């Protein structure tokens, strides 16, 4: 016996039931693929990775993969350890597998090659709340023939709204480095020395870059109020644009004693550059330094010289800070909640160079500071405002520290 729906004259039988069942399954599958598949994959991958990772915890909120476009999209990704937390709200990675593989010589400049690997991170945050002692001793090693440079000669990464945080509730202040947008490029170039394979170069351009000393949440110790607050805390430096560049030579072969491999950081500050410092900020720097780099009160041993056939290591870490336009520097002093300041205007081309030794000689080690301030105009907040006016002010071979 067949039943009919009088409004549509459609027979209600097993065929209609199977059709409705197929439609329901198709709708359920579309809804699952659209809204839940990436979350299920993220949950499975989270459980799988944490089963093998012995230190720390990995969380992946959702993950989707597109093979044709070589794109991996993710959301709510975090890696949590006892020392730090890496977190990103969302982002993607693109691997352009369709680019042809071209073998190149190790001495060639690959900075102008096509970008095979790209990355985008939104809401990136790195919070360091303990000493990363395990990471400080890591030496990156590569495949002897460096064939990875032919496959991935250039890596590009973009970060939208990022933050690096150093501190915890045991410190009165937390160091926070904030930026709204960053573009990062990693590549290699020929080394200046014939004893080195090539040079690693990481270039970054950041917008609205700020370095802030903010009060640590849940800190219960003695309070030390800053000379002034600027939004979230005391702003140490602020740039509209900043271009830090990291340079490091790959480990080379030692034949004779000669110039050591380079390792340095070159920071170029753009428009709207402001620096603020003073006794209060230096006290907070000391708190942070003593916590993350505590003294072991041991006698430092002289670094041994490399022998023939051994890999060479860097002798110093060189930092250079330069201005691409006019900048301001404020040195703030406070006494009995009254703040006074030394305000300085410096011209384009001013720079500061800091050399931090990585080796200990028979005479100990010395950190050097060199600098030059162009078109300097300094004034104070006191009654006699004018302090210094100079076309050029140079700081030469200022010895910051010496240990014997």
Protein backbone atom coordinates (compact mmCIF):
# COMPACT_ATOMS: atom_id res chain seq x y z
CA UNK A 1 0.00 0.00 0.00
CA UNK A 2 1.35 3.41 -0.95
CA UNK A 3 0.62 6.68 0.80
CA UNK A 4 0.62 10.00 -1.05
CA UNK A 5 1.19 13.51 0.08
CA UNK A 6 -1.82 15.27 -1.47
CA UNK A 7 -0.12 18.70 -1.64
CA UNK A 8 2.84 17.44 -3.70
CA UNK A 9 1.60 14.04 -4.96
CA UNK A 10 4.90 12.48 -3.86
CA UNK A 11 4.74 8.82 -2.92
CA UNK A 12 5.98 8.07 0.57
CA UNK A 13 7.99 4.89 0.22
CA UNK A 14 11.48 3.50 0.86
CA UNK A 15 13.01 5.50 -2.00
CA UNK A 16 11.90 8.77 -0.40
CA UNK A 17 13.23 7.60 2.94
CA UNK A 18 16.63 6.82 1.43
CA UNK A 19 16.63 10.22 -0.31
CA UNK A 20 15.87 12.05 2.94
CA UNK A 21 18.53 10.01 4.72
CA UNK A 22 21.11 10.88 2.02
CA UNK A 23 20.19 14.55 2.21
CA UNK A 24 20.55 14.55 6.01
CA UNK A 25 23.91 12.82 5.77
CA UNK A 26 25.11 15.24 3.09
CA UNK A 27 24.03 18.24 5.17
CA UNK A 28 25.69 16.77 8.27
CA UNK A 29 28.89 16.12 6.33
CA UNK A 30 28.97 19.67 4.93
CA UNK A 31 28.38 21.13 8.40
CA UNK A 32 31.07 18.88 9.88
CA UNK A 33 33.62 19.76 7.18
CA UNK A 34 32.83 23.47 7.44
CA UNK A 35 32.73 23.92 11.22
CA UNK A 36 34.12 20.90 13.05
CA UNK A 37 36.65 19.00 10.93
CA UNK A 38 39.56 21.39 11.59
CA UNK A 39 38.80 21.34 15.33
CA UNK A 40 38.70 17.55 15.45
CA UNK A 41 42.03 17.37 13.59
CA UNK A 42 43.48 19.92 16.02
CA UNK A 43 42.26 17.88 19.01
CA UNK A 44 43.70 14.62 17.61
CA UNK A 45 47.01 16.28 16.74
CA UNK A 46 47.20 17.85 20.22
CA UNK A 47 46.76 14.45 21.89
CA UNK A 48 49.26 12.84 19.48
CA UNK A 49 52.00 15.45 19.99
CA UNK A 50 51.65 15.55 23.78
CA UNK A 51 52.02 11.76 23.85
CA UNK A 52 55.59 12.10 22.51
CA UNK A 53 56.61 15.49 23.91
CA UNK A 54 58.03 14.96 27.38
CA UNK A 55 58.68 18.58 28.27
CA UNK A 56 55.92 21.16 27.93
CA UNK A 57 52.41 21.06 26.54
CA UNK A 58 51.24 21.68 22.97
CA UNK A 59 47.77 22.94 22.14
CA UNK A 60 46.28 23.21 18.63
CA UNK A 61 42.72 24.56 18.57
CA UNK A 62 42.09 23.81 14.89
CA UNK A 63 44.09 22.79 11.83
CA UNK A 64 43.22 22.55 8.15
CA UNK A 65 45.44 21.54 5.22
CA UNK A 66 45.09 22.35 1.51
CA UNK A 67 47.43 20.19 -0.58
CA UNK A 68 46.87 21.97 -3.90
CA UNK A 69 47.77 25.40 -2.55
CA UNK A 70 50.36 24.04 -0.08
CA UNK A 71 48.65 25.91 2.74
CA UNK A 72 48.29 24.95 6.40
CA UNK A 73 45.89 27.09 8.46
CA UNK A 74 45.75 26.94 12.25
CA UNK A 75 44.03 28.66 15.15
CA UNK A 76 44.64 28.94 18.90
CA UNK A 77 48.13 27.41 18.88
CA UNK A 78 50.25 27.37 22.05
CA UNK A 79 53.38 25.72 23.38
CA UNK A 80 53.74 25.94 27.17
CA UNK A 81 56.85 24.99 29.15
CA UNK A 82 58.18 25.67 32.63
CA UNK A 83 60.21 28.57 31.26
CA UNK A 84 58.08 30.23 28.59
CA UNK A 85 54.86 30.23 26.58
CA UNK A 86 54.55 30.61 22.80
CA UNK A 87 51.06 31.52 21.62
CA UNK A 88 49.34 32.63 18.40
CA UNK A 89 45.67 33.34 17.83
CA UNK A 90 45.69 32.14 14.22
CA UNK A 91 47.82 32.07 11.10
CA UNK A 92 48.92 30.07 8.09
CA UNK A 93 51.99 28.53 6.48
CA UNK A 94 52.38 28.26 2.69
CA UNK A 95 54.92 25.89 1.12
CA UNK A 96 55.11 26.47 -2.63
CA UNK A 97 55.95 22.92 -3.65
CA UNK A 98 55.40 23.65 -7.34
CA UNK A 99 58.51 25.84 -7.59
CA UNK A 100 61.29 23.96 -9.42
CA UNK A 101 64.27 22.76 -7.42
CA UNK A 102 67.48 24.41 -8.59
CA UNK A 103 70.83 23.40 -7.16
CA UNK A 104 73.13 26.32 -6.35
CA UNK A 105 76.67 26.69 -5.13
CA UNK A 106 77.21 27.29 -1.44
CA UNK A 107 78.92 30.64 -2.10
CA UNK A 108 75.98 32.09 -4.09
CA UNK A 109 73.81 34.94 -2.81
CA UNK A 110 70.31 33.52 -2.25
CA UNK A 111 68.70 36.67 -0.86
CA UNK A 112 67.03 37.43 -4.22
CA UNK A 113 65.64 33.93 -4.77
CA UNK A 114 61.95 33.06 -4.88
CA UNK A 115 60.21 32.61 -1.55
CA UNK A 116 59.13 29.00 -1.17
CA UNK A 117 58.07 29.17 2.49
CA UNK A 118 55.83 31.94 3.89
CA UNK A 119 54.19 32.34 7.27
CA UNK A 120 51.57 34.62 8.86
CA UNK A 121 50.90 34.89 12.60
CA UNK A 122 48.09 36.94 14.15
CA UNK A 123 48.21 37.78 17.84
CA UNK A 124 51.66 36.28 18.39
CA UNK A 125 52.92 36.34 21.99
CA UNK A 126 56.06 35.03 23.69
CA UNK A 127 56.06 35.18 27.50
CA UNK A 128 59.35 34.31 29.20
CA UNK A 129 58.87 33.89 32.96
CA UNK A 130 61.94 31.84 33.84
CA UNK A 131 65.52 31.40 32.67
CA UNK A 132 65.89 29.55 29.38
CA UNK A 133 69.16 27.91 30.40
CA UNK A 134 68.63 25.00 28.05
CA UNK A 135 68.31 27.27 25.02
CA UNK A 136 71.39 29.36 25.71
CA UNK A 137 73.75 26.46 25.04
CA UNK A 138 72.09 25.28 21.86
CA UNK A 139 74.27 25.36 18.78
CA UNK A 140 72.35 24.93 15.60
CA UNK A 141 73.81 22.36 13.25
CA UNK A 142 72.90 21.88 9.62
CA UNK A 143 73.34 19.18 7.02
CA UNK A 144 76.99 19.23 5.90
CA UNK A 145 76.14 19.97 2.26
CA UNK A 146 73.52 22.62 3.19
CA UNK A 147 71.10 21.28 0.58
CA UNK A 148 68.19 22.88 2.44
CA UNK A 149 69.31 26.28 1.08
CA UNK A 150 68.51 25.13 -2.46
CA UNK A 151 65.02 24.01 -1.44
CA UNK A 152 64.18 26.98 0.82
CA UNK A 153 66.52 29.88 -0.03
CA UNK A 154 64.22 32.57 1.44
CA UNK A 155 61.67 32.38 4.27
CA UNK A 156 59.12 35.16 4.78
CA UNK A 157 56.98 35.58 7.89
CA UNK A 158 54.38 38.18 8.82
CA UNK A 159 53.14 38.87 12.34
CA UNK A 160 50.07 40.96 13.06
CA UNK A 161 49.88 42.31 16.62
CA UNK A 162 52.75 40.63 18.43
CA UNK A 163 54.16 40.85 21.95
CA UNK A 164 57.24 39.53 23.76
CA UNK A 165 56.97 39.46 27.56
CA UNK A 166 59.76 38.87 30.10
CA UNK A 167 58.82 38.70 33.77
CA UNK A 168 56.67 37.05 36.43
CA UNK A 169 55.00 37.79 39.78
CA UNK A 170 58.34 37.63 41.61
CA UNK A 171 59.61 40.75 39.81
CA UNK A 172 58.28 44.27 40.41
CA UNK A 173 58.09 45.02 36.68
CA UNK A 174 57.64 43.04 33.49
CA UNK A 175 59.43 43.90 30.27
CA UNK A 176 57.00 43.95 27.35
CA UNK A 177 57.95 44.43 23.68
CA UNK A 178 54.87 45.26 21.60
CA UNK A 179 54.41 45.81 17.89
CA UNK A 180 51.39 46.00 15.60
CA UNK A 181 52.83 44.51 12.43
CA UNK A 182 56.13 42.85 11.54
CA UNK A 183 57.59 41.53 8.30
CA UNK A 184 60.47 39.06 8.70
CA UNK A 185 62.76 37.68 5.97
CA UNK A 186 65.40 35.01 6.52
CA UNK A 187 68.02 34.26 3.88
CA UNK A 188 71.72 33.60 3.43
CA UNK A 189 74.51 35.51 1.73
CA UNK A 190 78.14 34.77 0.92
CA UNK A 191 80.49 35.05 3.90
CA UNK A 192 83.14 37.75 4.00
CA UNK A 193 85.75 35.25 5.15
CA UNK A 194 86.87 32.32 3.04
CA UNK A 195 86.88 30.17 6.18
CA UNK A 196 83.09 30.44 6.59
CA UNK A 197 80.42 28.73 4.54
CA UNK A 198 77.86 31.57 4.35
CA UNK A 199 76.10 34.20 6.44
CA UNK A 200 72.67 33.81 8.06
CA UNK A 201 70.68 37.07 7.81
CA UNK A 202 67.29 37.77 9.38
CA UNK A 203 65.69 41.12 8.52
CA UNK A 204 62.60 42.46 10.25
CA UNK A 205 60.52 45.61 9.81
CA UNK A 206 58.13 46.38 12.68
CA UNK A 207 55.44 49.06 12.91
CA UNK A 208 54.55 50.97 16.11
CA UNK A 209 57.30 49.25 18.08
CA UNK A 210 57.24 49.83 21.88
CA UNK A 211 59.35 48.63 24.79
CA UNK A 212 57.42 48.98 28.06
CA UNK A 213 58.22 48.34 31.73
CA UNK A 214 54.81 47.50 33.20
CA UNK A 215 53.90 46.55 36.80
CA UNK A 216 53.87 42.78 37.27
CA UNK A 217 50.44 41.35 38.14
CA UNK A 218 50.18 39.79 41.62
CA UNK A 219 53.50 41.24 42.77
CA UNK A 220 53.42 41.65 46.57
CA UNK A 221 56.86 43.12 47.29
CA UNK A 222 57.94 46.69 47.92
CA UNK A 223 56.54 49.12 45.39
CA UNK A 224 58.83 51.35 43.37
CA UNK A 225 56.75 53.80 41.38
CA UNK A 226 58.11 54.95 38.01
CA UNK A 227 58.74 58.64 37.37
CA UNK A 228 55.79 58.68 34.97
CA UNK A 229 53.23 56.35 33.40
CA UNK A 230 52.50 56.31 29.69
CA UNK A 231 49.52 54.05 29.01
CA UNK A 232 50.26 50.53 30.22
CA UNK A 233 53.48 51.46 32.00
CA UNK A 234 56.83 53.20 31.61
CA UNK A 235 57.70 53.37 27.90
CA UNK A 236 61.46 52.83 27.48
CA UNK A 237 61.51 53.23 23.71
CA UNK A 238 58.98 53.85 20.97
CA UNK A 239 59.38 53.78 17.18
CA UNK A 240 56.88 54.26 14.40
CA UNK A 241 59.07 51.91 12.35
CA UNK A 242 62.03 49.77 13.44
CA UNK A 243 64.23 47.54 11.29
CA UNK A 244 66.30 45.08 13.33
CA UNK A 245 68.67 42.86 11.35
CA UNK A 246 70.28 39.74 12.81
CA UNK A 247 73.59 38.59 11.31
CA UNK A 248 75.36 35.32 12.08
CA UNK A 249 77.94 33.35 10.13
CA UNK A 250 77.58 29.61 9.73
CA UNK A 251 80.23 27.53 11.46
CA UNK A 252 83.29 27.39 9.28
CA UNK A 253 86.42 25.30 9.21
CA UNK A 254 89.49 26.42 11.10
CA UNK A 255 92.76 26.26 9.22
CA UNK A 256 94.63 29.05 11.00
CA UNK A 257 93.81 31.61 13.66
CA UNK A 258 92.11 34.52 11.94
CA UNK A 259 89.09 36.79 12.13
CA UNK A 260 86.29 35.13 14.10
CA UNK A 261 82.77 34.64 12.69
CA UNK A 262 80.40 37.59 13.08
CA UNK A 263 77.36 37.65 15.32
CA UNK A 264 75.39 40.83 15.73
CA UNK A 265 72.16 42.81 15.75
CA UNK A 266 71.67 46.00 13.72
CA UNK A 267 68.62 48.10 14.73
CA UNK A 268 67.54 51.01 12.55
CA UNK A 269 64.95 53.36 14.10
CA UNK A 270 62.60 55.27 11.82
CA UNK A 271 60.34 58.25 12.40
CA UNK A 272 58.80 59.05 15.78
CA UNK A 273 61.65 57.53 17.79
CA UNK A 274 61.61 58.26 21.55
CA UNK A 275 63.85 56.87 24.30
CA UNK A 276 63.19 57.21 28.03
CA UNK A 277 65.56 56.06 30.75
CA UNK A 278 66.82 56.97 34.19
CA UNK A 279 67.67 55.56 37.64
CA UNK A 280 64.26 53.88 38.04
CA UNK A 281 64.45 52.13 34.67
CA UNK A 282 68.01 51.01 35.42
CA UNK A 283 66.88 49.46 38.71
CA UNK A 284 64.22 47.47 36.86
CA UNK A 285 66.83 46.35 34.32
CA UNK A 286 68.98 45.13 37.19
CA UNK A 287 66.08 43.14 38.70
CA UNK A 288 65.36 41.45 35.37
CA UNK A 289 69.02 40.72 34.68
CA UNK A 290 69.68 39.21 38.10
CA UNK A 291 66.62 36.96 37.83
CA UNK A 292 67.23 35.59 34.33
CA UNK A 293 71.06 35.62 34.60
CA UNK A 294 71.84 34.93 38.27
CA UNK A 295 75.45 35.03 39.42
CA UNK A 296 76.98 31.66 40.29
CA UNK A 297 79.94 33.30 42.10
CA UNK A 298 82.40 31.01 40.37
CA UNK A 299 85.79 31.96 38.99
CA UNK A 300 85.55 32.33 35.23
CA UNK A 301 87.93 30.18 33.25
CA UNK A 302 89.92 31.49 30.31
CA UNK A 303 88.42 30.41 27.00
CA UNK A 304 90.68 27.95 25.24
CA UNK A 305 92.01 28.78 21.81
CA UNK A 306 90.72 26.76 18.89
CA UNK A 307 92.95 24.08 17.50
CA UNK A 308 93.55 23.36 13.85
CA UNK A 309 90.55 21.49 12.44
CA UNK A 310 88.06 22.69 15.08
CA UNK A 311 85.04 24.85 14.32
CA UNK A 312 85.36 28.52 15.14
CA UNK A 313 82.95 30.33 17.43
CA UNK A 314 82.02 33.98 17.77
CA UNK A 315 84.19 36.13 20.02
CA UNK A 316 81.61 38.86 20.62
CA UNK A 317 78.00 39.88 20.10
CA UNK A 318 77.82 43.30 18.44
CA UNK A 319 74.75 45.54 18.76
CA UNK A 320 74.33 48.69 16.69
CA UNK A 321 71.44 51.11 17.19
CA UNK A 322 71.07 53.93 14.66
CA UNK A 323 68.46 56.55 13.82
CA UNK A 324 67.14 57.14 10.31
CA UNK A 325 65.50 60.44 11.33
CA UNK A 326 65.37 62.81 14.30
CA UNK A 327 64.85 61.24 17.73
CA UNK A 328 64.30 62.33 21.34
CA UNK A 329 65.92 61.03 24.55
CA UNK A 330 64.50 61.69 28.04
CA UNK A 331 66.52 60.96 31.19
CA UNK A 332 64.01 61.03 34.06
CA UNK A 333 64.81 61.58 37.74
CA UNK A 334 62.30 61.51 40.58
CA UNK A 335 62.63 62.53 44.22
CA UNK A 336 59.73 62.62 46.69
CA UNK A 337 57.32 62.03 43.80
CA UNK A 338 58.66 65.06 41.94
CA UNK A 339 59.97 64.25 38.47
CA UNK A 340 62.68 66.16 36.65
CA UNK A 341 64.11 65.36 33.26
CA UNK A 342 66.93 65.95 30.86
CA UNK A 343 65.43 66.21 27.39
CA UNK A 344 67.65 65.69 24.32
CA UNK A 345 67.02 66.00 20.61
CA UNK A 346 69.41 64.15 18.28
CA UNK A 347 69.66 64.28 14.52
CA UNK A 348 69.57 61.70 11.79
CA UNK A 349 72.58 59.38 11.67
CA UNK A 350 73.16 59.14 15.43
CA UNK A 351 74.22 55.69 16.56
CA UNK A 352 75.27 53.56 19.51
CA UNK A 353 77.47 50.46 19.30
CA UNK A 354 77.79 47.89 22.08
CA UNK A 355 80.26 44.99 22.01
CA UNK A 356 79.54 42.12 24.41
CA UNK A 357 82.43 39.61 24.59
CA UNK A 358 81.70 35.90 24.29
CA UNK A 359 85.24 34.80 25.22
CA UNK A 360 87.35 35.28 28.33
CA UNK A 361 91.02 36.20 27.91
CA UNK A 362 93.85 36.20 30.44
CA UNK A 363 92.91 39.79 31.35
CA UNK A 364 89.21 38.99 31.79
CA UNK A 365 86.63 40.52 29.47
CA UNK A 366 85.52 44.04 28.64
CA UNK A 367 82.23 45.30 27.22
CA UNK A 368 82.73 48.36 25.05
CA UNK A 369 80.34 51.16 24.10
CA UNK A 370 80.93 53.54 21.22
CA UNK A 371 78.50 56.14 19.97
CA UNK A 372 77.89 59.40 18.21
CA UNK A 373 75.07 61.91 18.68
CA UNK A 374 74.58 64.40 15.85
CA UNK A 375 73.04 67.88 16.22
CA UNK A 376 72.57 67.39 19.96
CA UNK A 377 70.33 69.80 21.85
CA UNK A 378 69.86 69.04 25.56
CA UNK A 379 67.71 70.91 28.06
CA UNK A 380 66.50 70.31 31.62
CA UNK A 381 63.26 70.86 33.48
CA UNK A 382 65.04 73.12 35.98
CA UNK A 383 65.09 76.90 35.91
CA UNK A 384 68.23 77.02 33.77
CA UNK A 385 66.93 74.94 30.88
CA UNK A 386 69.74 74.98 28.35
CA UNK A 387 72.30 72.23 29.06
CA UNK A 388 74.25 71.18 25.95
CA UNK A 389 74.31 72.20 22.31
CA UNK A 390 76.72 70.35 20.07
CA UNK A 391 76.99 69.47 16.43
CA UNK A 392 78.67 66.14 17.26
CA UNK A 393 79.10 64.30 20.55
CA UNK A 394 81.19 61.14 20.41
CA UNK A 395 81.62 58.37 22.97
CA UNK A 396 84.76 56.37 22.23
CA UNK A 397 85.84 53.09 23.85
CA UNK A 398 83.78 53.43 27.00
CA UNK A 399 84.59 50.34 29.11
CA UNK A 400 81.39 49.18 30.78
CA UNK A 401 82.75 46.18 32.67
CA UNK A 402 85.99 44.33 33.25
CA UNK A 403 86.51 41.09 35.15
CA UNK A 404 89.95 39.82 35.99
